[in-house]
Amino acid sequence: MPTREPNTRAILITRIDLAATQTALQQAAVKAEFQRSSGNTGLGLIDDSWDHPRAMRDAWHADELEARRRQAAEARAFVERPGAGTMLIPCPPLGSIPYPA
């Protein structure tokens, strides 16, 4: 795979597309969480079975899951290699790059 310049239009468009997809998925997750929460609240109001301690545990659990999701996303974030340049260079010969075991 040839080394590519990191600041090209194609990479910018891909990053914008990925950001839009991620935003849409986050909004869908938030919407689903609100629907679940409003459903639980509605049932609690109808049959008077609202369990405040359980609701608090659910909220803590949701916060913990969100924190884990954010940490996982930060761990997967792209980071340029130190010393990587922006000049286009030909691909090195096949098998010449040693990979860590």
PDB file of N, CA and C in Angstrom:
ATOM      1  N   MET A   1       0.850  -1.176   0.000  1.00  0.00           N
ATOM      2  CA  MET A   1       0.000   0.000   0.000  1.00  0.00           C
ATOM      3  C   MET A   1       0.896   1.240   0.000  1.00  0.00           C
ATOM      4  N   PRO A   2       0.700   2.126  -0.923  1.00  0.00           N
ATOM      5  CA  PRO A   2       1.551   3.306  -0.962  1.00  0.00           C
ATOM      6  C   PRO A   2       1.277   4.242   0.202  1.00  0.00           C
ATOM      7  N   THR A   3       2.300   4.969   0.575  1.00  0.00           N
ATOM      8  CA  THR A   3       2.141   5.980   1.616  1.00  0.00           C
ATOM      9  C   THR A   3       1.346   7.129   1.019  1.00  0.00           C
ATOM     10  N   ARG A   4       0.333   7.595   1.735  1.00  0.00           N
ATOM     11  CA  ARG A   4      -0.512   8.658   1.206  1.00  0.00           C
ATOM     12  C   ARG A   4      -0.344   9.936   2.003  1.00  0.00           C
ATOM     13  N   GLU A   5      -0.544  11.023   1.328  1.00  0.00           N
ATOM     14  CA  GLU A   5      -0.502  12.320   1.985  1.00  0.00           C
ATOM     15  C   GLU A   5      -1.752  12.445   2.864  1.00  0.00           C
ATOM     16  N   PRO A   6      -1.605  12.786   4.142  1.00  0.00           N
ATOM     17  CA  PRO A   6      -2.762  12.768   5.045  1.00  0.00           C
ATOM     18  C   PRO A   6      -3.747  13.908   4.850  1.00  0.00           C
ATOM     19  N   ASN A   7      -3.383  14.950   4.140  1.00  0.00           N
ATOM     20  CA  ASN A   7      -4.272  16.100   4.024  1.00  0.00           C
ATOM     21  C   ASN A   7      -4.793  16.275   2.603  1.00  0.00           C
ATOM     22  N   THR A   8      -5.360  15.216   2.034  1.00  0.00           N
ATOM     23  CA  THR A   8      -5.920  15.308   0.690  1.00  0.00           C
ATOM     24  C   THR A   8      -7.440  15.422   0.781  1.00  0.00           C
ATOM     25  N   ARG A   9      -8.071  15.790  -0.339  1.00  0.00           N
ATOM     26  CA  ARG A   9      -9.527  15.923  -0.357  1.00  0.00           C
ATOM     27  C   ARG A   9     -10.215  14.595  -0.103  1.00  0.00           C
ATOM     28  N   ALA A  10      -9.685  13.507  -0.636  1.00  0.00           N
ATOM     29  CA  ALA A  10     -10.309  12.197  -0.455  1.00  0.00           C
ATOM     30  C   ALA A  10     -10.335  11.804   1.019  1.00  0.00           C
ATOM     31  N   ILE A  11      -9.235  12.049   1.709  1.00  0.00           N
ATOM     32  CA  ILE A  11      -9.188  11.713   3.132  1.00  0.00           C
ATOM     33  C   ILE A  11     -10.114  12.633   3.915  1.00  0.00           C
ATOM     34  N   LEU A  12     -10.180  13.906   3.551  1.00  0.00           N
ATOM     35  CA  LEU A  12     -11.093  14.837   4.212  1.00  0.00           C
ATOM     36  C   LEU A  12     -12.536  14.393   4.023  1.00  0.00           C
ATOM     37  N   ILE A  13     -12.905  14.011   2.810  1.00  0.00           N
ATOM     38  CA  ILE A  13     -14.274  13.558   2.545  1.00  0.00           C
ATOM     39  C   ILE A  13     -14.573  12.296   3.341  1.00  0.00           C
ATOM     40  N   THR A  14     -13.621  11.382   3.408  1.00  0.00           N
ATOM     41  CA  THR A  14     -13.819  10.150   4.181  1.00  0.00           C
ATOM     42  C   THR A  14     -14.005  10.470   5.660  1.00  0.00           C
ATOM     43  N   ARG A  15     -13.197  11.388   6.179  1.00  0.00           N
ATOM     44  CA  ARG A  15     -13.329  11.763   7.592  1.00  0.00           C
ATOM     45  C   ARG A  15     -14.676  12.420   7.859  1.00  0.00           C
ATOM     46  N   ILE A  16     -15.144  13.279   6.942  1.00  0.00           N
ATOM     47  CA  ILE A  16     -16.453  13.919   7.109  1.00  0.00           C
ATOM     48  C   ILE A  16     -17.553  12.861   7.068  1.00  0.00           C
ATOM     49  N   ASP A  17     -17.443  11.907   6.145  1.00  0.00           N
ATOM     50  CA  ASP A  17     -18.438  10.837   6.047  1.00  0.00           C
ATOM     51  C   ASP A  17     -18.462  10.001   7.317  1.00  0.00           C
ATOM     52  N   LEU A  18     -17.282   9.645   7.820  1.00  0.00           N
ATOM     53  CA  LEU A  18     -17.227   8.864   9.066  1.00  0.00           C
ATOM     54  C   LEU A  18     -17.792   9.650  10.252  1.00  0.00           C
ATOM     55  N   ALA A  19     -17.504  10.948  10.312  1.00  0.00           N
ATOM     56  CA  ALA A  19     -18.037  11.773  11.399  1.00  0.00           C
ATOM     57  C   ALA A  19     -19.553  11.850  11.319  1.00  0.00           C
ATOM     58  N   ALA A  20     -20.098  11.991  10.097  1.00  0.00           N
ATOM     59  CA  ALA A  20     -21.553  12.045   9.938  1.00  0.00           C
ATOM     60  C   ALA A  20     -22.193  10.715  10.325  1.00  0.00           C
ATOM     61  N   THR A  21     -21.570   9.616   9.929  1.00  0.00           N
ATOM     62  CA  THR A  21     -22.089   8.292  10.291  1.00  0.00           C
ATOM     63  C   THR A  21     -22.054   8.089  11.797  1.00  0.00           C
ATOM     64  N   GLN A  22     -20.951   8.472  12.422  1.00  0.00           N
ATOM     65  CA  GLN A  22     -20.832   8.327  13.874  1.00  0.00           C
ATOM     66  C   GLN A  22     -21.881   9.173  14.590  1.00  0.00           C
ATOM     67  N   THR A  23     -22.091  10.397  14.128  1.00  0.00           N
ATOM     68  CA  THR A  23     -23.102  11.268  14.736  1.00  0.00           C
ATOM     69  C   THR A  23     -24.487  10.654  14.604  1.00  0.00           C
ATOM     70  N   ALA A  24     -24.805  10.124  13.420  1.00  0.00           N
ATOM     71  CA  ALA A  24     -26.114   9.507  13.213  1.00  0.00           C
ATOM     72  C   ALA A  24     -26.307   8.298  14.131  1.00  0.00           C
ATOM     73  N   LEU A  25     -25.259   7.487  14.275  1.00  0.00           N
ATOM     74  CA  LEU A  25     -25.363   6.317  15.158  1.00  0.00           C
ATOM     75  C   LEU A  25     -25.511   6.732  16.620  1.00  0.00           C
ATOM     76  N   GLN A  26     -24.796   7.780  17.031  1.00  0.00           N
ATOM     77  CA  GLN A  26     -24.929   8.260  18.406  1.00  0.00           C
ATOM     78  C   GLN A  26     -26.328   8.800  18.660  1.00  0.00           C
ATOM     79  N   GLN A  27     -26.881   9.534  17.697  1.00  0.00           N
ATOM     80  CA  GLN A  27     -28.236  10.060  17.854  1.00  0.00           C
ATOM     81  C   GLN A  27     -29.261   8.940  17.919  1.00  0.00           C
ATOM     82  N   ALA A  28     -29.063   7.886  17.120  1.00  0.00           N
ATOM     83  CA  ALA A  28     -29.966   6.737  17.169  1.00  0.00           C
ATOM     84  C   ALA A  28     -29.891   6.042  18.523  1.00  0.00           C
ATOM     85  N   ALA A  29     -28.676   5.920  19.068  1.00  0.00           N
ATOM     86  CA  ALA A  29     -28.523   5.289  20.386  1.00  0.00           C
ATOM     87  C   ALA A  29     -29.192   6.124  21.472  1.00  0.00           C
ATOM     88  N   VAL A  30     -29.035   7.441  21.405  1.00  0.00           N
ATOM     89  CA  VAL A  30     -29.672   8.319  22.393  1.00  0.00           C
ATOM     90  C   VAL A  30     -31.187   8.232  22.277  1.00  0.00           C
ATOM     91  N   LYS A  31     -31.693   8.226  21.056  1.00  0.00           N
ATOM     92  CA  LYS A  31     -33.142   8.130  20.846  1.00  0.00           C
ATOM     93  C   LYS A  31     -33.687   6.814  21.409  1.00  0.00           C
ATOM     94  N   ALA A  32     -32.969   5.715  21.154  1.00  0.00           N
ATOM     95  CA  ALA A  32     -33.404   4.419  21.682  1.00  0.00           C
ATOM     96  C   ALA A  32     -33.380   4.418  23.210  1.00  0.00           C
ATOM     97  N   GLU A  33     -32.382   5.051  23.795  1.00  0.00           N
ATOM     98  CA  GLU A  33     -32.290   5.117  25.259  1.00  0.00           C
ATOM     99  C   GLU A  33     -33.437   5.941  25.840  1.00  0.00           C
ATOM    100  N   PHE A  34     -33.760   7.061  25.182  1.00  0.00           N
ATOM    101  CA  PHE A  34     -34.897   7.867  25.651  1.00  0.00           C
ATOM    102  C   PHE A  34     -36.207   7.107  25.520  1.00  0.00           C
ATOM    103  N   GLN A  35     -36.383   6.357  24.441  1.00  0.00           N
ATOM    104  CA  GLN A  35     -37.602   5.569  24.273  1.00  0.00           C
ATOM    105  C   GLN A  35     -37.702   4.501  25.359  1.00  0.00           C
ATOM    106  N   ARG A  36     -36.577   3.845  25.645  1.00  0.00           N
ATOM    107  CA  ARG A  36     -36.590   2.824  26.699  1.00  0.00           C
ATOM    108  C   ARG A  36     -36.937   3.454  28.042  1.00  0.00           C
ATOM    109  N   SER A  37     -36.312   4.591  28.321  1.00  0.00           N
ATOM    110  CA  SER A  37     -36.538   5.279  29.582  1.00  0.00           C
ATOM    111  C   SER A  37     -37.980   5.763  29.704  1.00  0.00           C
ATOM    112  N   SER A  38     -38.511   6.351  28.629  1.00  0.00           N
ATOM    113  CA  SER A  38     -39.895   6.848  28.695  1.00  0.00           C
ATOM    114  C   SER A  38     -40.875   5.696  28.804  1.00  0.00           C
ATOM    115  N   GLY A  39     -40.540   4.547  28.187  1.00  0.00           N
ATOM    116  CA  GLY A  39     -41.405   3.370  28.328  1.00  0.00           C
ATOM    117  C   GLY A  39     -41.441   2.883  29.764  1.00  0.00           C
ATOM    118  N   ASN A  40     -40.285   2.842  30.421  1.00  0.00           N
ATOM    119  CA  ASN A  40     -40.241   2.427  31.826  1.00  0.00           C
ATOM    120  C   ASN A  40     -41.008   3.405  32.707  1.00  0.00           C
ATOM    121  N   THR A  41     -40.844   4.705  32.439  1.00  0.00           N
ATOM    122  CA  THR A  41     -41.552   5.717  33.220  1.00  0.00           C
ATOM    123  C   THR A  41     -43.052   5.595  33.021  1.00  0.00           C
ATOM    124  N   GLY A  42     -43.465   5.403  31.747  1.00  0.00           N
ATOM    125  CA  GLY A  42     -44.897   5.265  31.453  1.00  0.00           C
ATOM    126  C   GLY A  42     -45.492   4.069  32.157  1.00  0.00           C
ATOM    127  N   LEU A  43     -44.808   2.940  32.147  1.00  0.00           N
ATOM    128  CA  LEU A  43     -45.310   1.748  32.838  1.00  0.00           C
ATOM    129  C   LEU A  43     -45.379   1.985  34.342  1.00  0.00           C
ATOM    130  N   GLY A  44     -44.385   2.680  34.870  1.00  0.00           N
ATOM    131  CA  GLY A  44     -44.381   2.971  36.301  1.00  0.00           C
ATOM    132  C   GLY A  44     -45.550   3.855  36.703  1.00  0.00           C
ATOM    133  N   LEU A  45     -45.917   4.795  35.850  1.00  0.00           N
ATOM    134  CA  LEU A  45     -47.048   5.665  36.150  1.00  0.00           C
ATOM    135  C   LEU A  45     -48.382   4.937  36.017  1.00  0.00           C
ATOM    136  N   ILE A  46     -48.459   4.011  35.077  1.00  0.00           N
ATOM    137  CA  ILE A  46     -49.714   3.294  34.856  1.00  0.00           C
ATOM    138  C   ILE A  46     -50.017   2.344  36.004  1.00  0.00           C
ATOM    139  N   ASP A  47     -49.080   1.494  36.353  1.00  0.00           N
ATOM    140  CA  ASP A  47     -49.369   0.478  37.376  1.00  0.00           C
ATOM    141  C   ASP A  47     -48.726   0.791  38.725  1.00  0.00           C
ATOM    142  N   ASP A  48     -48.210   2.014  38.888  1.00  0.00           N
ATOM    143  CA  ASP A  48     -47.626   2.460  40.154  1.00  0.00           C
ATOM    144  C   ASP A  48     -46.519   1.529  40.639  1.00  0.00           C
ATOM    145  N   SER A  49     -45.692   1.069  39.707  1.00  0.00           N
ATOM    146  CA  SER A  49     -44.604   0.160  40.078  1.00  0.00           C
ATOM    147  C   SER A  49     -43.242   0.828  39.917  1.00  0.00           C
ATOM    148  N   TRP A  50     -43.206   2.153  39.955  1.00  0.00           N
ATOM    149  CA  TRP A  50     -41.946   2.874  39.789  1.00  0.00           C
ATOM    150  C   TRP A  50     -40.998   2.507  40.903  1.00  0.00           C
ATOM    151  N   ASP A  51     -39.830   2.045  40.538  1.00  0.00           N
ATOM    152  CA  ASP A  51     -38.824   1.611  41.497  1.00  0.00           C
ATOM    153  C   ASP A  51     -37.641   2.578  41.385  1.00  0.00           C
ATOM    154  N   HIS A  52     -37.596   3.561  42.295  1.00  0.00           N
ATOM    155  CA  HIS A  52     -36.572   4.594  42.201  1.00  0.00           C
ATOM    156  C   HIS A  52     -35.152   4.035  42.322  1.00  0.00           C
ATOM    157  N   PRO A  53     -34.866   3.136  43.274  1.00  0.00           N
ATOM    158  CA  PRO A  53     -33.497   2.582  43.333  1.00  0.00           C
ATOM    159  C   PRO A  53     -33.094   1.849  42.046  1.00  0.00           C
ATOM    160  N   ARG A  54     -34.034   1.123  41.447  1.00  0.00           N
ATOM    161  CA  ARG A  54     -33.721   0.420  40.202  1.00  0.00           C
ATOM    162  C   ARG A  54     -33.472   1.421  39.071  1.00  0.00           C
ATOM    163  N   ALA A  55     -34.255   2.487  39.048  1.00  0.00           N
ATOM    164  CA  ALA A  55     -34.057   3.518  38.027  1.00  0.00           C
ATOM    165  C   ALA A  55     -32.673   4.152  38.174  1.00  0.00           C
ATOM    166  N   MET A  56     -32.243   4.387  39.398  1.00  0.00           N
ATOM    167  CA  MET A  56     -30.918   4.951  39.627  1.00  0.00           C
ATOM    168  C   MET A  56     -29.826   3.976  39.174  1.00  0.00           C
ATOM    169  N   ARG A  57     -29.997   2.680  39.478  1.00  0.00           N
ATOM    170  CA  ARG A  57     -29.024   1.676  39.033  1.00  0.00           C
ATOM    171  C   ARG A  57     -28.966   1.626  37.508  1.00  0.00           C
ATOM    172  N   ASP A  58     -30.141   1.696  36.863  1.00  0.00           N
ATOM    173  CA  ASP A  58     -30.174   1.706  35.395  1.00  0.00           C
ATOM    174  C   ASP A  58     -29.435   2.919  34.838  1.00  0.00           C
ATOM    175  N   ALA A  59     -29.635   4.079  35.457  1.00  0.00           N
ATOM    176  CA  ALA A  59     -28.965   5.298  34.999  1.00  0.00           C
ATOM    177  C   ALA A  59     -27.453   5.181  35.191  1.00  0.00           C
ATOM    178  N   TRP A  60     -27.020   4.658  36.322  1.00  0.00           N
ATOM    179  CA  TRP A  60     -25.583   4.479  36.564  1.00  0.00           C
ATOM    180  C   TRP A  60     -24.991   3.503  35.551  1.00  0.00           C
ATOM    181  N   HIS A  61     -25.747   2.415  35.300  1.00  0.00           N
ATOM    182  CA  HIS A  61     -25.285   1.418  34.340  1.00  0.00           C
ATOM    183  C   HIS A  61     -25.161   2.041  32.947  1.00  0.00           C
ATOM    184  N   ALA A  62     -26.141   2.836  32.556  1.00  0.00           N
ATOM    185  CA  ALA A  62     -26.093   3.498  31.247  1.00  0.00           C
ATOM    186  C   ALA A  62     -24.909   4.461  31.172  1.00  0.00           C
ATOM    187  N   ASP A  63     -24.662   5.197  32.258  1.00  0.00           N
ATOM    188  CA  ASP A  63     -23.509   6.110  32.280  1.00  0.00           C
ATOM    189  C   ASP A  63     -22.192   5.346  32.165  1.00  0.00           C
ATOM    190  N   GLU A  64     -22.118   4.206  32.850  1.00  0.00           N
ATOM    191  CA  GLU A  64     -20.905   3.391  32.800  1.00  0.00           C
ATOM    192  C   GLU A  64     -20.673   2.845  31.389  1.00  0.00           C
ATOM    193  N   LEU A  65     -21.748   2.385  30.737  1.00  0.00           N
ATOM    194  CA  LEU A  65     -21.620   1.893  29.365  1.00  0.00           C
ATOM    195  C   LEU A  65     -21.172   3.004  28.424  1.00  0.00           C
ATOM    196  N   GLU A  66     -21.737   4.191  28.600  1.00  0.00           N
ATOM    197  CA  GLU A  66     -21.355   5.318  27.754  1.00  0.00           C
ATOM    198  C   GLU A  66     -19.885   5.681  27.966  1.00  0.00           C
ATOM    199  N   ALA A  67     -19.422   5.647  29.216  1.00  0.00           N
ATOM    200  CA  ALA A  67     -18.014   5.940  29.494  1.00  0.00           C
ATOM    201  C   ALA A  67     -17.113   4.900  28.830  1.00  0.00           C
ATOM    202  N   ARG A  68     -17.501   3.642  28.874  1.00  0.00           N
ATOM    203  CA  ARG A  68     -16.714   2.584  28.223  1.00  0.00           C
ATOM    204  C   ARG A  68     -16.682   2.774  26.713  1.00  0.00           C
ATOM    205  N   ARG A  69     -17.850   3.138  26.127  1.00  0.00           N
ATOM    206  CA  ARG A  69     -17.911   3.376  24.689  1.00  0.00           C
ATOM    207  C   ARG A  69     -16.973   4.506  24.285  1.00  0.00           C
ATOM    208  N   ARG A  70     -16.997   5.580  25.068  1.00  0.00           N
ATOM    209  CA  ARG A  70     -16.136   6.723  24.761  1.00  0.00           C
ATOM    210  C   ARG A  70     -14.657   6.353  24.886  1.00  0.00           C
ATOM    211  N   GLN A  71     -14.303   5.592  25.926  1.00  0.00           N
ATOM    212  CA  GLN A  71     -12.911   5.175  26.100  1.00  0.00           C
ATOM    213  C   GLN A  71     -12.472   4.274  24.949  1.00  0.00           C
ATOM    214  N   ALA A  72     -13.363   3.373  24.515  1.00  0.00           N
ATOM    215  CA  ALA A  72     -13.028   2.492  23.398  1.00  0.00           C
ATOM    216  C   ALA A  72     -12.842   3.299  22.118  1.00  0.00           C
ATOM    217  N   ALA A  73     -13.693   4.299  21.912  1.00  0.00           N
ATOM    218  CA  ALA A  73     -13.568   5.142  20.722  1.00  0.00           C
ATOM    219  C   ALA A  73     -12.271   5.943  20.759  1.00  0.00           C
ATOM    220  N   GLU A  74     -11.907   6.451  21.922  1.00  0.00           N
ATOM    221  CA  GLU A  74     -10.653   7.197  22.045  1.00  0.00           C
ATOM    222  C   GLU A  74      -9.452   6.290  21.811  1.00  0.00           C
ATOM    223  N   ALA A  75      -9.561   5.032  22.241  1.00  0.00           N
ATOM    224  CA  ALA A  75      -8.453   4.092  22.035  1.00  0.00           C
ATOM    225  C   ALA A  75      -8.285   3.747  20.560  1.00  0.00           C
ATOM    226  N   ARG A  76      -9.394   3.796  19.790  1.00  0.00           N
ATOM    227  CA  ARG A  76      -9.321   3.482  18.363  1.00  0.00           C
ATOM    228  C   ARG A  76      -9.000   4.695  17.500  1.00  0.00           C
ATOM    229  N   ALA A  77      -8.930   5.857  18.094  1.00  0.00           N
ATOM    230  CA  ALA A  77      -8.723   7.086  17.325  1.00  0.00           C
ATOM    231  C   ALA A  77      -7.407   7.019  16.547  1.00  0.00           C
ATOM    232  N   PHE A  78      -7.435   7.583  15.363  1.00  0.00           N
ATOM    233  CA  PHE A  78      -6.245   7.586  14.510  1.00  0.00           C
ATOM    234  C   PHE A  78      -5.213   8.553  15.064  1.00  0.00           C
ATOM    235  N   VAL A  79      -3.995   8.083  15.162  1.00  0.00           N
ATOM    236  CA  VAL A  79      -2.881   8.916  15.597  1.00  0.00           C
ATOM    237  C   VAL A  79      -1.761   8.722  14.586  1.00  0.00           C
ATOM    238  N   GLU A  80      -1.288   9.832  14.045  1.00  0.00           N
ATOM    239  CA  GLU A  80      -0.199   9.722  13.081  1.00  0.00           C
ATOM    240  C   GLU A  80       1.062   9.235  13.773  1.00  0.00           C
ATOM    241  N   ARG A  81       1.830   8.444  13.041  1.00  0.00           N
ATOM    242  CA  ARG A  81       3.105   7.967  13.578  1.00  0.00           C
ATOM    243  C   ARG A  81       4.031   9.153  13.782  1.00  0.00           C
ATOM    244  N   PRO A  82       4.826   9.137  14.828  1.00  0.00           N
ATOM    245  CA  PRO A  82       5.809  10.212  15.006  1.00  0.00           C
ATOM    246  C   PRO A  82       6.785  10.217  13.838  1.00  0.00           C
ATOM    247  N   GLY A  83       7.036  11.387  13.304  1.00  0.00           N
ATOM    248  CA  GLY A  83       7.979  11.520  12.214  1.00  0.00           C
ATOM    249  C   GLY A  83       7.410  11.215  10.845  1.00  0.00           C
ATOM    250  N   ALA A  84       6.098  10.914  10.768  1.00  0.00           N
ATOM    251  CA  ALA A  84       5.500  10.640   9.464  1.00  0.00           C
ATOM    252  C   ALA A  84       5.417  11.939   8.678  1.00  0.00           C
ATOM    253  N   GLY A  85       5.887  11.910   7.471  1.00  0.00           N
ATOM    254  CA  GLY A  85       5.879  13.109   6.643  1.00  0.00           C
ATOM    255  C   GLY A  85       4.656  13.154   5.745  1.00  0.00           C
ATOM    256  N   THR A  86       4.508  14.264   5.042  1.00  0.00           N
ATOM    257  CA  THR A  86       3.385  14.421   4.128  1.00  0.00           C
ATOM    258  C   THR A  86       3.824  14.286   2.670  1.00  0.00           C
ATOM    259  N   MET A  87       5.102  14.011   2.441  1.00  0.00           N
ATOM    260  CA  MET A  87       5.593  13.884   1.079  1.00  0.00           C
ATOM    261  C   MET A  87       5.261  12.501   0.529  1.00  0.00           C
ATOM    262  N   LEU A  88       4.791  12.460  -0.724  1.00  0.00           N
ATOM    263  CA  LEU A  88       4.464  11.184  -1.356  1.00  0.00           C
ATOM    264  C   LEU A  88       5.748  10.443  -1.697  1.00  0.00           C
ATOM    265  N   ILE A  89       5.793   9.177  -1.313  1.00  0.00           N
ATOM    266  CA  ILE A  89       6.961   8.356  -1.610  1.00  0.00           C
ATOM    267  C   ILE A  89       6.474   7.025  -2.169  1.00  0.00           C
ATOM    268  N   PRO A  90       7.294   6.342  -2.943  1.00  0.00           N
ATOM    269  CA  PRO A  90       6.860   5.040  -3.465  1.00  0.00           C
ATOM    270  C   PRO A  90       6.775   4.002  -2.345  1.00  0.00           C
ATOM    271  N   CYS A  91       5.978   3.020  -2.593  1.00  0.00           N
ATOM    272  CA  CYS A  91       5.807   1.934  -1.628  1.00  0.00           C
ATOM    273  C   CYS A  91       7.107   1.152  -1.493  1.00  0.00           C
ATOM    274  N   PRO A  92       7.487   0.775  -0.261  1.00  0.00           N
ATOM    275  CA  PRO A  92       8.707  -0.026  -0.102  1.00  0.00           C
ATOM    276  C   PRO A  92       8.492  -1.426  -0.669  1.00  0.00           C
ATOM    277  N   PRO A  93       9.552  -2.141  -0.966  1.00  0.00           N
ATOM    278  CA  PRO A  93       9.405  -3.491  -1.528  1.00  0.00           C
ATOM    279  C   PRO A  93       8.623  -4.412  -0.589  1.00  0.00           C
ATOM    280  N   LEU A  94       7.881  -5.316  -1.184  1.00  0.00           N
ATOM    281  CA  LEU A  94       7.050  -6.254  -0.436  1.00  0.00           C
ATOM    282  C   LEU A  94       7.913  -7.076   0.521  1.00  0.00           C
ATOM    283  N   GLY A  95       7.520  -7.137   1.764  1.00  0.00           N
ATOM    284  CA  GLY A  95       8.238  -7.918   2.764  1.00  0.00           C
ATOM    285  C   GLY A  95       9.382  -7.183   3.432  1.00  0.00           C
ATOM    286  N   SER A  96       9.613  -5.912   3.081  1.00  0.00           N
ATOM    287  CA  SER A  96      10.741  -5.196   3.656  1.00  0.00           C
ATOM    288  C   SER A  96      10.380  -4.496   4.959  1.00  0.00           C
ATOM    289  N   ILE A  97       9.112  -4.424   5.307  1.00  0.00           N
ATOM    290  CA  ILE A  97       8.705  -3.753   6.556  1.00  0.00           C
ATOM    291  C   ILE A  97       8.532  -4.816   7.633  1.00  0.00           C
ATOM    292  N   PRO A  98       9.359  -4.778   8.677  1.00  0.00           N
ATOM    293  CA  PRO A  98       9.190  -5.768   9.765  1.00  0.00           C
ATOM    294  C   PRO A  98       8.020  -5.353  10.669  1.00  0.00           C
ATOM    295  N   TYR A  99       7.143  -6.272  10.954  1.00  0.00           N
ATOM    296  CA  TYR A  99       6.007  -6.012  11.831  1.00  0.00           C
ATOM    297  C   TYR A  99       6.273  -6.605  13.190  1.00  0.00           C
ATOM    298  N   PRO A 100       5.822  -5.943  14.249  1.00  0.00           N
ATOM    299  CA  PRO A 100       6.030  -6.497  15.598  1.00  0.00           C
ATOM    300  C   PRO A 100       5.261  -7.797  15.769  1.00  0.00           C
ATOM    301  N   ALA A 101       5.825  -8.696  16.540  1.00  0.00           N
ATOM    302  CA  ALA A 101       5.204 -10.012  16.762  1.00  0.00           C
ATOM    303  C   ALA A 101       4.109  -9.939  17.794  1.00  0.00           C
TER     304      ALA A 101
END
